[in-house]
Amino acid sequence: MLCLETSNAKIFCQGTGGTNEWAAGLLGEAWMQVYGSSIGHQQGHTDQSHGTPSAGVTISEQRKFLVEPSRFTTLRRGGPKNNFLVDCIVYNGGEIFPTGQPYALLTFSQR
């Protein structure tokens, strides 16, 4: 992963490994709602061939990275394969971007 640093600005391009974990931690975490569902069939006590269908929905909150470490592995690296487009994630010392996030996903052309 390429990480260019000037003052508080950091620019992350495609990469793998521990740098992705570090970058994700730098960009921060937030509480997010996670939804789950289940569908089942409860067996009757007297007649095992008939039962009662059951379903459930759960909502919980979990702390998650704003940008998951795996996201850095899918950023485009340019060249003919990517139509000469490069993706990067920019962080600028805690600045909030117009999206309301402390980072911005940018794409630029190599041409």
Protein backbone atom coordinates (compact mmCIF):
# COMPACT_ATOMS: atom_id res chain seq x y z
CA MET A 1 0.00 0.00 0.00
CA LEU A 2 1.22 3.44 -0.85
CA CYS A 3 0.84 5.90 2.01
CA LEU A 4 1.97 9.42 1.25
CA GLU A 5 2.12 11.71 4.24
CA THR A 6 2.38 15.48 4.25
CA SER A 7 1.66 17.24 7.53
CA ASN A 8 -1.56 15.54 8.67
CA ALA A 9 -2.68 14.37 5.21
CA LYS A 10 -2.41 10.71 4.31
CA ILE A 11 -3.25 9.15 0.94
CA PHE A 12 -3.83 5.40 0.82
CA CYS A 13 -3.75 3.45 -2.43
CA GLN A 14 -4.34 -0.27 -2.99
CA GLY A 15 -2.52 -2.53 -0.58
CA THR A 16 -2.61 -5.58 1.67
CA GLY A 17 -1.55 -6.60 5.14
CA GLY A 18 -0.96 -4.71 8.34
CA THR A 19 -0.99 -1.27 6.74
CA ASN A 20 -4.65 -1.79 5.87
CA GLU A 21 -5.44 -2.48 9.54
CA TRP A 22 -3.51 0.62 10.59
CA ALA A 23 -5.27 2.78 7.97
CA ALA A 24 -8.70 1.49 8.97
CA GLY A 25 -7.93 2.29 12.61
CA LEU A 26 -6.76 5.78 11.69
CA LEU A 27 -9.95 6.50 9.75
CA GLY A 28 -11.99 5.46 12.77
CA GLU A 29 -14.90 3.36 13.91
CA ALA A 30 -18.57 4.00 14.54
CA TRP A 31 -21.51 2.23 16.12
CA MET A 32 -23.57 0.67 13.33
CA GLN A 33 -26.81 -1.26 13.36
CA VAL A 34 -26.49 -4.88 12.30
CA TYR A 35 -29.61 -6.78 11.30
CA GLY A 36 -30.17 -10.51 11.53
CA SER A 37 -33.03 -12.81 10.75
CA SER A 38 -34.00 -16.38 11.36
CA ILE A 39 -36.68 -18.69 10.05
CA GLY A 40 -37.48 -21.95 11.72
CA HIS A 41 -40.02 -24.59 12.41
CA GLN A 42 -40.96 -25.53 15.97
CA GLN A 43 -41.98 -29.14 16.34
CA GLY A 44 -45.25 -29.83 18.11
CA HIS A 45 -45.18 -31.76 21.38
CA THR A 46 -47.71 -34.38 20.39
CA ASP A 47 -47.51 -34.60 16.61
CA GLN A 48 -43.99 -34.33 15.17
CA SER A 49 -45.29 -34.03 11.58
CA HIS A 50 -46.98 -30.68 12.24
CA GLY A 51 -45.32 -27.75 13.84
CA THR A 52 -45.46 -24.04 14.08
CA PRO A 53 -43.43 -21.88 11.76
CA SER A 54 -41.36 -19.26 13.49
CA ALA A 55 -39.36 -16.25 12.39
CA GLY A 56 -37.36 -13.60 14.11
CA VAL A 57 -35.50 -10.41 13.41
CA THR A 58 -32.73 -9.02 15.56
CA ILE A 59 -31.13 -5.60 15.53
CA SER A 60 -27.92 -5.00 17.40
CA GLU A 61 -25.27 -2.32 17.43
CA GLN A 62 -21.64 -3.16 16.80
CA ARG A 63 -18.54 -1.02 16.51
CA LYS A 64 -17.22 -1.33 12.97
CA PHE A 65 -14.50 0.36 10.96
CA LEU A 66 -15.72 3.25 8.80
CA VAL A 67 -13.57 1.70 6.06
CA GLU A 68 -12.95 -2.03 6.48
CA PRO A 69 -9.32 -3.13 5.97
CA SER A 70 -10.40 -5.36 3.07
CA ARG A 71 -11.67 -2.29 1.16
CA PHE A 72 -8.07 -1.17 0.54
CA THR A 73 -7.41 -4.41 -1.37
CA THR A 74 -10.07 -3.55 -3.96
CA LEU A 75 -8.91 -0.03 -4.85
CA ARG A 76 -7.99 0.25 -8.54
CA ARG A 77 -4.26 0.51 -9.34
CA GLY A 78 -4.42 2.05 -12.79
CA GLY A 79 -3.01 0.68 -16.01
CA PRO A 80 -4.93 -0.66 -19.00
CA LYS A 81 -6.74 -3.23 -16.83
CA ASN A 82 -8.38 -0.41 -14.85
CA ASN A 83 -8.84 2.00 -17.75
CA PHE A 84 -5.91 4.00 -16.29
CA LEU A 85 -7.95 4.94 -13.19
CA VAL A 86 -6.47 4.91 -9.69
CA ASP A 87 -8.55 4.97 -6.47
CA CYS A 88 -7.25 6.34 -3.20
CA ILE A 89 -8.62 7.12 0.22
CA VAL A 90 -7.56 10.49 1.61
CA TYR A 91 -7.37 11.45 5.29
CA ASN A 92 -6.50 14.97 6.39
CA GLY A 93 -5.87 15.09 10.11
CA GLY A 94 -9.43 14.65 11.31
CA GLU A 95 -10.99 17.06 8.79
CA ILE A 96 -14.60 16.21 7.99
CA PHE A 97 -15.23 16.03 4.25
CA PRO A 98 -18.49 17.14 2.54
CA THR A 99 -19.74 13.53 2.79
CA GLY A 100 -19.72 13.90 6.59
CA GLN A 101 -16.86 11.40 6.91
CA PRO A 102 -13.26 11.92 8.06
CA TYR A 103 -12.01 10.50 4.73
CA ALA A 104 -12.73 10.82 1.02
CA LEU A 105 -12.57 8.23 -1.75
CA LEU A 106 -10.96 9.85 -4.80
CA THR A 107 -10.36 8.54 -8.30
CA PHE A 108 -7.85 10.05 -10.69
CA SER A 109 -6.68 9.25 -14.18
CA GLN A 110 -3.10 8.32 -14.96
CA ARG A 111 -3.45 10.06 -18.30
